[in-house]
Amino acid sequence: MTTIEEVASVWDTRNPQMQTKLHKDGKIKAVAMHGRPGLQAIIEFPNAPPSEKLLYIFSFSQDEQTKKLIQIKIHFERHSKESSNTKAFYDFLDKISYNNRKYTFTAGTINHNYLYLKRIFALDSSAQEICEGMEELIKLTQKPISDFLAKKGQT
């Protein structure tokens, strides 16, 4: 079974211009996702203005008691404050997920302005498969989302 460290290593080797972001101590970020422990490796695109910052994340969730891996997913996140184009952006992401059934679109459970496109992988997926999935997600979303944000949701 692959680890998030292996996924980050494969990603960083394949994509030197978009390295995973590690904590100051050089380790993968430990997080709690919906009350479950997990690990995340984050890809931030360099030189993006804060209003256009896109985060792409590898997430490995664990069982709280046994610490066994229970879910591997990749997802896009955009955290935004309520704005006039939040509904338009919501509709835009929903259309992307409708047109590509590999991805599920959701809004945050606590803050509905946190919008996600996610894909869940089988637990026996290789680091290579997971990285290829992330490359596909970035190709599918980065330019259309950047263009959408630059136009402020105007069509």
N, C-alpha and C. Protein backbone atom coordinates (compact mmCIF):
# COMPACT_ATOMS: atom_id res chain seq x y z
N MET A 1 0.85 -1.17 0.00
CA MET A 1 0.00 0.00 0.00
C MET A 1 0.90 1.24 0.00
N THR A 2 0.56 2.18 -0.85
CA THR A 2 1.37 3.40 -0.96
C THR A 2 1.14 4.33 0.23
N THR A 3 2.10 5.19 0.47
CA THR A 3 1.98 6.18 1.54
C THR A 3 1.92 7.57 0.92
N ILE A 4 1.48 8.53 1.71
CA ILE A 4 1.43 9.90 1.21
C ILE A 4 2.84 10.44 0.94
N GLU A 5 3.81 9.97 1.69
CA GLU A 5 5.19 10.40 1.45
C GLU A 5 5.66 9.92 0.07
N GLU A 6 5.27 8.69 -0.31
CA GLU A 6 5.61 8.19 -1.64
C GLU A 6 4.91 8.99 -2.73
N VAL A 7 3.65 9.32 -2.50
CA VAL A 7 2.90 10.12 -3.47
C VAL A 7 3.57 11.49 -3.64
N ALA A 8 3.92 12.14 -2.53
CA ALA A 8 4.57 13.46 -2.60
C ALA A 8 5.91 13.37 -3.32
N SER A 9 6.66 12.32 -3.08
CA SER A 9 7.96 12.13 -3.73
C SER A 9 7.79 11.95 -5.24
N VAL A 10 6.85 11.10 -5.65
CA VAL A 10 6.59 10.90 -7.08
C VAL A 10 6.12 12.20 -7.70
N TRP A 11 5.21 12.89 -7.04
CA TRP A 11 4.71 14.17 -7.55
C TRP A 11 5.86 15.16 -7.74
N ASP A 12 6.68 15.34 -6.72
CA ASP A 12 7.75 16.33 -6.78
C ASP A 12 8.77 15.99 -7.87
N THR A 13 9.00 14.70 -8.11
CA THR A 13 9.91 14.28 -9.18
C THR A 13 9.31 14.58 -10.56
N ARG A 14 8.02 14.30 -10.70
CA ARG A 14 7.34 14.51 -11.99
C ARG A 14 7.03 15.97 -12.27
N ASN A 15 6.88 16.78 -11.24
CA ASN A 15 6.41 18.16 -11.38
C ASN A 15 7.30 19.13 -10.61
N PRO A 16 8.53 19.33 -11.05
CA PRO A 16 9.45 20.18 -10.28
C PRO A 16 8.99 21.63 -10.15
N GLN A 17 8.14 22.11 -11.05
CA GLN A 17 7.65 23.49 -10.98
C GLN A 17 6.49 23.65 -10.01
N MET A 18 5.93 22.53 -9.52
CA MET A 18 4.78 22.57 -8.61
C MET A 18 5.03 21.59 -7.46
N GLN A 19 6.00 21.86 -6.62
CA GLN A 19 6.35 20.97 -5.52
C GLN A 19 5.26 20.96 -4.44
N THR A 20 5.15 19.82 -3.75
CA THR A 20 4.25 19.78 -2.61
C THR A 20 4.83 20.66 -1.50
N LYS A 21 3.94 21.27 -0.77
CA LYS A 21 4.34 22.17 0.31
C LYS A 21 4.38 21.38 1.61
N LEU A 22 5.52 21.40 2.28
CA LEU A 22 5.68 20.69 3.53
C LEU A 22 5.67 21.67 4.69
N HIS A 23 5.44 21.18 5.89
CA HIS A 23 5.55 22.00 7.09
C HIS A 23 6.98 22.49 7.28
N LYS A 24 7.16 23.46 8.13
CA LYS A 24 8.49 24.00 8.41
C LYS A 24 9.46 22.92 8.86
N ASP A 25 8.95 21.86 9.49
CA ASP A 25 9.83 20.76 9.94
C ASP A 25 10.13 19.77 8.82
N GLY A 26 9.63 20.05 7.60
CA GLY A 26 9.92 19.19 6.46
C GLY A 26 9.04 17.95 6.37
N LYS A 27 7.97 17.90 7.15
CA LYS A 27 7.10 16.72 7.16
C LYS A 27 5.75 17.04 6.52
N ILE A 28 5.06 15.98 6.14
CA ILE A 28 3.71 16.09 5.59
C ILE A 28 2.79 16.62 6.71
N LYS A 29 1.82 17.45 6.34
CA LYS A 29 0.93 18.08 7.31
C LYS A 29 -0.08 17.07 7.89
N ALA A 30 -0.09 16.95 9.22
CA ALA A 30 -1.09 16.13 9.90
C ALA A 30 -2.32 17.00 10.15
N VAL A 31 -3.48 16.48 9.85
CA VAL A 31 -4.73 17.24 9.99
C VAL A 31 -5.82 16.35 10.56
N ALA A 32 -6.92 16.97 10.96
CA ALA A 32 -8.13 16.24 11.33
C ALA A 32 -9.18 16.60 10.28
N MET A 33 -9.71 15.57 9.61
CA MET A 33 -10.71 15.78 8.57
C MET A 33 -12.02 15.16 9.03
N HIS A 34 -12.97 16.01 9.34
CA HIS A 34 -14.27 15.55 9.85
C HIS A 34 -14.08 14.65 11.07
N GLY A 35 -13.17 15.04 11.93
CA GLY A 35 -12.93 14.31 13.17
C GLY A 35 -12.00 13.12 13.04
N ARG A 36 -11.55 12.82 11.82
CA ARG A 36 -10.63 11.69 11.61
C ARG A 36 -9.22 12.22 11.39
N PRO A 37 -8.23 11.52 11.94
CA PRO A 37 -6.85 11.95 11.68
C PRO A 37 -6.48 11.66 10.23
N GLY A 38 -5.54 12.43 9.72
CA GLY A 38 -5.10 12.20 8.36
C GLY A 38 -3.84 13.00 8.05
N LEU A 39 -3.38 12.85 6.83
CA LEU A 39 -2.20 13.55 6.36
C LEU A 39 -2.54 14.22 5.04
N GLN A 40 -1.96 15.41 4.81
CA GLN A 40 -2.19 16.11 3.56
C GLN A 40 -0.88 16.62 2.99
N ALA A 41 -0.76 16.53 1.67
CA ALA A 41 0.33 17.17 0.94
C ALA A 41 -0.34 18.17 0.00
N ILE A 42 0.06 19.42 0.08
CA ILE A 42 -0.61 20.51 -0.62
C ILE A 42 0.26 21.02 -1.76
N ILE A 43 -0.37 21.29 -2.89
CA ILE A 43 0.30 21.91 -4.03
C ILE A 43 -0.26 23.32 -4.17
N GLU A 44 0.61 24.31 -4.09
CA GLU A 44 0.21 25.69 -4.33
C GLU A 44 0.91 26.15 -5.59
N PHE A 45 0.21 26.88 -6.41
CA PHE A 45 0.84 27.38 -7.62
C PHE A 45 1.59 28.67 -7.32
N PRO A 46 2.87 28.72 -7.71
CA PRO A 46 3.67 29.89 -7.39
C PRO A 46 3.16 31.14 -8.10
N ASN A 47 3.36 32.26 -7.43
CA ASN A 47 3.07 33.59 -7.99
C ASN A 47 1.60 33.86 -8.25
N ALA A 48 0.70 33.08 -7.72
CA ALA A 48 -0.73 33.36 -7.90
C ALA A 48 -1.14 34.42 -6.89
N PRO A 49 -1.85 35.46 -7.34
CA PRO A 49 -2.34 36.45 -6.38
C PRO A 49 -3.33 35.79 -5.42
N PRO A 50 -3.43 36.31 -4.19
CA PRO A 50 -4.32 35.68 -3.19
C PRO A 50 -5.75 35.48 -3.68
N SER A 51 -6.25 36.40 -4.49
CA SER A 51 -7.63 36.27 -4.97
C SER A 51 -7.80 35.12 -5.94
N GLU A 52 -6.70 34.60 -6.49
CA GLU A 52 -6.77 33.51 -7.44
C GLU A 52 -6.07 32.26 -6.94
N LYS A 53 -5.75 32.20 -5.64
CA LYS A 53 -5.00 31.07 -5.09
C LYS A 53 -5.85 29.80 -5.16
N LEU A 54 -5.26 28.79 -5.79
CA LEU A 54 -5.89 27.49 -5.92
C LEU A 54 -5.04 26.49 -5.16
N LEU A 55 -5.66 25.64 -4.39
CA LEU A 55 -4.95 24.60 -3.66
C LEU A 55 -5.38 23.24 -4.20
N TYR A 56 -4.40 22.41 -4.48
CA TYR A 56 -4.66 21.03 -4.87
C TYR A 56 -4.04 20.15 -3.79
N ILE A 57 -4.79 19.19 -3.28
CA ILE A 57 -4.39 18.48 -2.06
C ILE A 57 -4.52 16.97 -2.23
N PHE A 58 -3.46 16.27 -1.79
CA PHE A 58 -3.50 14.83 -1.62
C PHE A 58 -3.89 14.59 -0.17
N SER A 59 -4.93 13.82 0.10
CA SER A 59 -5.38 13.54 1.47
C SER A 59 -5.44 12.05 1.73
N PHE A 60 -4.86 11.64 2.85
CA PHE A 60 -4.90 10.25 3.31
C PHE A 60 -5.57 10.26 4.68
N SER A 61 -6.79 9.73 4.78
CA SER A 61 -7.53 9.68 6.04
C SER A 61 -7.27 8.35 6.74
N GLN A 62 -7.24 8.40 8.08
CA GLN A 62 -6.98 7.21 8.87
C GLN A 62 -8.12 6.95 9.84
N ASP A 63 -8.27 5.69 10.22
CA ASP A 63 -9.20 5.33 11.28
C ASP A 63 -8.67 5.93 12.58
N GLU A 64 -9.53 6.58 13.34
CA GLU A 64 -9.10 7.27 14.55
C GLU A 64 -8.43 6.36 15.57
N GLN A 65 -8.92 5.15 15.73
CA GLN A 65 -8.37 4.26 16.75
C GLN A 65 -7.23 3.39 16.25
N THR A 66 -7.38 2.81 15.07
CA THR A 66 -6.35 1.88 14.58
C THR A 66 -5.26 2.57 13.76
N LYS A 67 -5.52 3.78 13.31
CA LYS A 67 -4.61 4.56 12.46
C LYS A 67 -4.42 3.91 11.08
N LYS A 68 -5.26 2.93 10.73
CA LYS A 68 -5.20 2.31 9.42
C LYS A 68 -5.78 3.25 8.38
N LEU A 69 -5.22 3.22 7.19
CA LEU A 69 -5.69 4.04 6.09
C LEU A 69 -7.10 3.64 5.71
N ILE A 70 -8.00 4.62 5.61
CA ILE A 70 -9.38 4.31 5.23
C ILE A 70 -9.82 5.04 3.96
N GLN A 71 -9.07 6.09 3.55
CA GLN A 71 -9.47 6.80 2.34
C GLN A 71 -8.28 7.55 1.76
N ILE A 72 -8.16 7.50 0.44
CA ILE A 72 -7.19 8.30 -0.31
C ILE A 72 -7.99 9.17 -1.25
N LYS A 73 -7.75 10.46 -1.21
CA LYS A 73 -8.45 11.33 -2.16
C LYS A 73 -7.54 12.46 -2.60
N ILE A 74 -7.88 13.01 -3.74
CA ILE A 74 -7.27 14.24 -4.21
C ILE A 74 -8.40 15.24 -4.31
N HIS A 75 -8.10 16.49 -4.09
CA HIS A 75 -9.14 17.49 -4.28
C HIS A 75 -8.57 18.87 -4.53
N PHE A 76 -9.41 19.68 -5.14
CA PHE A 76 -9.17 21.08 -5.36
C PHE A 76 -9.93 21.82 -4.28
N GLU A 77 -9.35 22.87 -3.74
CA GLU A 77 -10.04 23.71 -2.77
C GLU A 77 -9.90 25.16 -3.16
N ARG A 78 -10.93 25.89 -2.92
CA ARG A 78 -10.88 27.35 -3.01
C ARG A 78 -11.65 27.86 -1.83
N HIS A 79 -10.94 28.50 -0.92
CA HIS A 79 -11.57 29.09 0.26
C HIS A 79 -11.83 30.55 -0.06
N SER A 80 -13.05 30.95 0.05
CA SER A 80 -13.36 32.35 -0.24
C SER A 80 -14.38 32.87 0.75
N LYS A 81 -14.36 34.16 0.89
CA LYS A 81 -15.40 34.81 1.68
C LYS A 81 -16.63 34.92 0.79
N GLU A 82 -17.76 35.11 1.42
CA GLU A 82 -18.98 35.31 0.64
C GLU A 82 -18.76 36.48 -0.30
N SER A 83 -19.07 36.28 -1.56
CA SER A 83 -18.93 37.36 -2.52
C SER A 83 -20.07 37.28 -3.51
N SER A 84 -20.14 38.26 -4.36
CA SER A 84 -21.24 38.31 -5.31
C SER A 84 -21.18 37.17 -6.32
N ASN A 85 -20.01 36.56 -6.51
CA ASN A 85 -19.93 35.48 -7.49
C ASN A 85 -19.86 34.09 -6.87
N THR A 86 -20.10 33.97 -5.57
CA THR A 86 -20.05 32.65 -4.94
C THR A 86 -21.03 31.68 -5.58
N LYS A 87 -22.25 32.09 -5.83
CA LYS A 87 -23.26 31.23 -6.45
C LYS A 87 -22.84 30.86 -7.87
N ALA A 88 -22.32 31.83 -8.62
CA ALA A 88 -21.87 31.55 -9.99
C ALA A 88 -20.71 30.56 -9.98
N PHE A 89 -19.79 30.71 -9.02
CA PHE A 89 -18.65 29.80 -8.92
C PHE A 89 -19.13 28.40 -8.52
N TYR A 90 -20.08 28.35 -7.61
CA TYR A 90 -20.69 27.08 -7.21
C TYR A 90 -21.27 26.37 -8.44
N ASP A 91 -22.04 27.08 -9.23
CA ASP A 91 -22.65 26.50 -10.44
C ASP A 91 -21.58 26.06 -11.44
N PHE A 92 -20.53 26.85 -11.56
CA PHE A 92 -19.43 26.56 -12.46
C PHE A 92 -18.74 25.24 -12.08
N LEU A 93 -18.42 25.06 -10.79
CA LEU A 93 -17.77 23.82 -10.34
C LEU A 93 -18.71 22.62 -10.43
N ASP A 94 -19.99 22.84 -10.15
CA ASP A 94 -20.98 21.77 -10.26
C ASP A 94 -21.05 21.27 -11.70
N LYS A 95 -20.94 22.18 -12.66
CA LYS A 95 -20.97 21.79 -14.08
C LYS A 95 -19.74 20.96 -14.43
N ILE A 96 -18.57 21.33 -13.91
CA ILE A 96 -17.35 20.56 -14.17
C ILE A 96 -17.54 19.12 -13.66
N SER A 97 -18.07 18.97 -12.45
CA SER A 97 -18.23 17.62 -11.90
C SER A 97 -19.31 16.84 -12.66
N TYR A 98 -20.33 17.54 -13.14
CA TYR A 98 -21.38 16.88 -13.91
C TYR A 98 -20.83 16.35 -15.22
N ASN A 99 -19.93 17.12 -15.84
CA ASN A 99 -19.35 16.72 -17.12
C ASN A 99 -18.24 15.69 -16.98
N ASN A 100 -17.70 15.52 -15.79
CA ASN A 100 -16.65 14.52 -15.56
C ASN A 100 -16.99 13.78 -14.28
N ARG A 101 -17.60 12.62 -14.41
CA ARG A 101 -18.15 11.87 -13.28
C ARG A 101 -17.12 11.29 -12.33
N LYS A 102 -15.81 11.41 -12.63
CA LYS A 102 -14.80 10.93 -11.69
C LYS A 102 -14.76 11.81 -10.44
N TYR A 103 -15.24 13.03 -10.58
CA TYR A 103 -15.10 14.01 -9.50
C TYR A 103 -16.44 14.32 -8.87
N THR A 104 -16.41 14.56 -7.58
CA THR A 104 -17.61 14.94 -6.83
C THR A 104 -17.42 16.37 -6.38
N PHE A 105 -18.45 17.16 -6.52
CA PHE A 105 -18.41 18.56 -6.08
C PHE A 105 -19.16 18.69 -4.77
N THR A 106 -18.54 19.35 -3.80
CA THR A 106 -19.20 19.61 -2.52
C THR A 106 -18.82 20.98 -2.01
N ALA A 107 -19.65 21.49 -1.14
CA ALA A 107 -19.35 22.71 -0.40
C ALA A 107 -19.01 22.30 1.02
N GLY A 108 -18.24 23.13 1.71
CA GLY A 108 -17.86 22.83 3.08
C GLY A 108 -19.07 22.66 3.98
N THR A 109 -18.94 21.78 4.96
CA THR A 109 -20.07 21.55 5.86
C THR A 109 -20.22 22.67 6.88
N ILE A 110 -19.12 23.28 7.28
CA ILE A 110 -19.19 24.39 8.24
C ILE A 110 -19.26 25.72 7.50
N ASN A 111 -18.37 25.92 6.54
CA ASN A 111 -18.37 27.15 5.75
C ASN A 111 -18.72 26.77 4.31
N HIS A 112 -19.89 27.16 3.87
CA HIS A 112 -20.37 26.79 2.54
C HIS A 112 -19.63 27.52 1.42
N ASN A 113 -18.78 28.47 1.77
CA ASN A 113 -17.97 29.16 0.76
C ASN A 113 -16.69 28.40 0.45
N TYR A 114 -16.41 27.31 1.18
CA TYR A 114 -15.27 26.45 0.88
C TYR A 114 -15.78 25.42 -0.12
N LEU A 115 -15.31 25.51 -1.35
CA LEU A 115 -15.82 24.67 -2.43
C LEU A 115 -14.75 23.67 -2.86
N TYR A 116 -15.15 22.41 -3.08
CA TYR A 116 -14.22 21.32 -3.35
C TYR A 116 -14.66 20.51 -4.56
N LEU A 117 -13.69 20.07 -5.34
CA LEU A 117 -13.88 19.00 -6.32
C LEU A 117 -12.98 17.88 -5.84
N LYS A 118 -13.52 16.68 -5.66
CA LYS A 118 -12.69 15.60 -5.12
C LYS A 118 -12.86 14.32 -5.91
N ARG A 119 -11.83 13.48 -5.80
CA ARG A 119 -11.85 12.14 -6.39
C ARG A 119 -11.28 11.19 -5.36
N ILE A 120 -11.97 10.10 -5.12
CA ILE A 120 -11.53 9.10 -4.15
C ILE A 120 -10.90 7.93 -4.91
N PHE A 121 -9.77 7.45 -4.40
CA PHE A 121 -9.03 6.35 -5.01
C PHE A 121 -9.17 5.09 -4.17
N ALA A 122 -9.00 3.94 -4.83
CA ALA A 122 -8.96 2.65 -4.11
C ALA A 122 -7.73 2.65 -3.20
N LEU A 123 -7.83 1.97 -2.06
CA LEU A 123 -6.74 1.95 -1.10
C LEU A 123 -5.47 1.29 -1.65
N ASP A 124 -5.60 0.46 -2.67
CA ASP A 124 -4.41 -0.18 -3.25
C ASP A 124 -3.86 0.58 -4.46
N SER A 125 -4.30 1.82 -4.67
CA SER A 125 -3.79 2.63 -5.78
C SER A 125 -2.32 2.93 -5.59
N SER A 126 -1.59 2.97 -6.69
CA SER A 126 -0.17 3.28 -6.63
C SER A 126 0.05 4.79 -6.57
N ALA A 127 1.23 5.19 -6.14
CA ALA A 127 1.57 6.61 -6.11
C ALA A 127 1.47 7.19 -7.52
N GLN A 128 1.89 6.42 -8.50
CA GLN A 128 1.82 6.84 -9.91
C GLN A 128 0.37 7.13 -10.32
N GLU A 129 -0.55 6.23 -10.00
CA GLU A 129 -1.97 6.42 -10.35
C GLU A 129 -2.54 7.66 -9.68
N ILE A 130 -2.20 7.87 -8.42
CA ILE A 130 -2.72 9.02 -7.67
C ILE A 130 -2.18 10.31 -8.27
N CYS A 131 -0.90 10.33 -8.61
CA CYS A 131 -0.31 11.52 -9.22
C CYS A 131 -0.90 11.79 -10.60
N GLU A 132 -1.13 10.75 -11.37
CA GLU A 132 -1.78 10.93 -12.68
C GLU A 132 -3.18 11.50 -12.51
N GLY A 133 -3.89 11.06 -11.48
CA GLY A 133 -5.21 11.61 -11.19
C GLY A 133 -5.13 13.09 -10.85
N MET A 134 -4.12 13.48 -10.08
CA MET A 134 -3.94 14.89 -9.73
C MET A 134 -3.61 15.71 -10.97
N GLU A 135 -2.75 15.19 -11.83
CA GLU A 135 -2.43 15.91 -13.06
C GLU A 135 -3.68 16.11 -13.90
N GLU A 136 -4.53 15.09 -13.95
CA GLU A 136 -5.79 15.21 -14.69
C GLU A 136 -6.70 16.27 -14.05
N LEU A 137 -6.80 16.27 -12.73
CA LEU A 137 -7.63 17.25 -12.04
C LEU A 137 -7.13 18.67 -12.31
N ILE A 138 -5.83 18.87 -12.24
CA ILE A 138 -5.26 20.20 -12.50
C ILE A 138 -5.53 20.61 -13.94
N LYS A 139 -5.32 19.70 -14.88
CA LYS A 139 -5.58 20.00 -16.28
C LYS A 139 -7.05 20.36 -16.51
N LEU A 140 -7.92 19.65 -15.84
CA LEU A 140 -9.36 19.87 -15.97
C LEU A 140 -9.80 21.21 -15.38
N THR A 141 -9.15 21.64 -14.31
CA THR A 141 -9.68 22.79 -13.56
C THR A 141 -8.83 24.05 -13.54
N GLN A 142 -7.52 23.96 -13.59
CA GLN A 142 -6.70 25.15 -13.32
C GLN A 142 -7.00 26.32 -14.26
N LYS A 143 -6.92 26.12 -15.56
CA LYS A 143 -7.17 27.23 -16.48
C LYS A 143 -8.62 27.69 -16.44
N PRO A 144 -9.60 26.78 -16.51
CA PRO A 144 -10.99 27.27 -16.45
C PRO A 144 -11.31 28.04 -15.16
N ILE A 145 -10.77 27.57 -14.04
CA ILE A 145 -11.04 28.27 -12.79
C ILE A 145 -10.32 29.61 -12.76
N SER A 146 -9.07 29.65 -13.19
CA SER A 146 -8.34 30.92 -13.24
C SER A 146 -9.04 31.92 -14.14
N ASP A 147 -9.51 31.45 -15.31
CA ASP A 147 -10.24 32.32 -16.23
C ASP A 147 -11.54 32.81 -15.59
N PHE A 148 -12.26 31.92 -14.93
CA PHE A 148 -13.49 32.30 -14.25
C PHE A 148 -13.23 33.38 -13.21
N LEU A 149 -12.21 33.16 -12.37
CA LEU A 149 -11.89 34.13 -11.32
C LEU A 149 -11.44 35.46 -11.90
N ALA A 150 -10.69 35.44 -12.98
CA ALA A 150 -10.23 36.68 -13.61
C ALA A 150 -11.40 37.50 -14.16
N LYS A 151 -12.45 36.80 -14.59
CA LYS A 151 -13.63 37.49 -15.10
C LYS A 151 -14.64 37.79 -14.01
N LYS A 152 -14.31 37.41 -12.77
CA LYS A 152 -15.19 37.65 -11.61
C LYS A 152 -16.56 37.02 -11.79
N GLY A 153 -16.61 35.87 -12.47
CA GLY A 153 -17.87 35.15 -12.63
C GLY A 153 -18.76 35.68 -13.71
N GLN A 154 -18.26 36.60 -14.50
CA GLN A 154 -19.05 37.15 -15.59
C GLN A 154 -18.97 36.21 -16.79
N THR A 155 -20.01 36.05 -17.50
CA THR A 155 -19.96 35.22 -18.71
C THR A 155 -20.12 36.08 -19.93
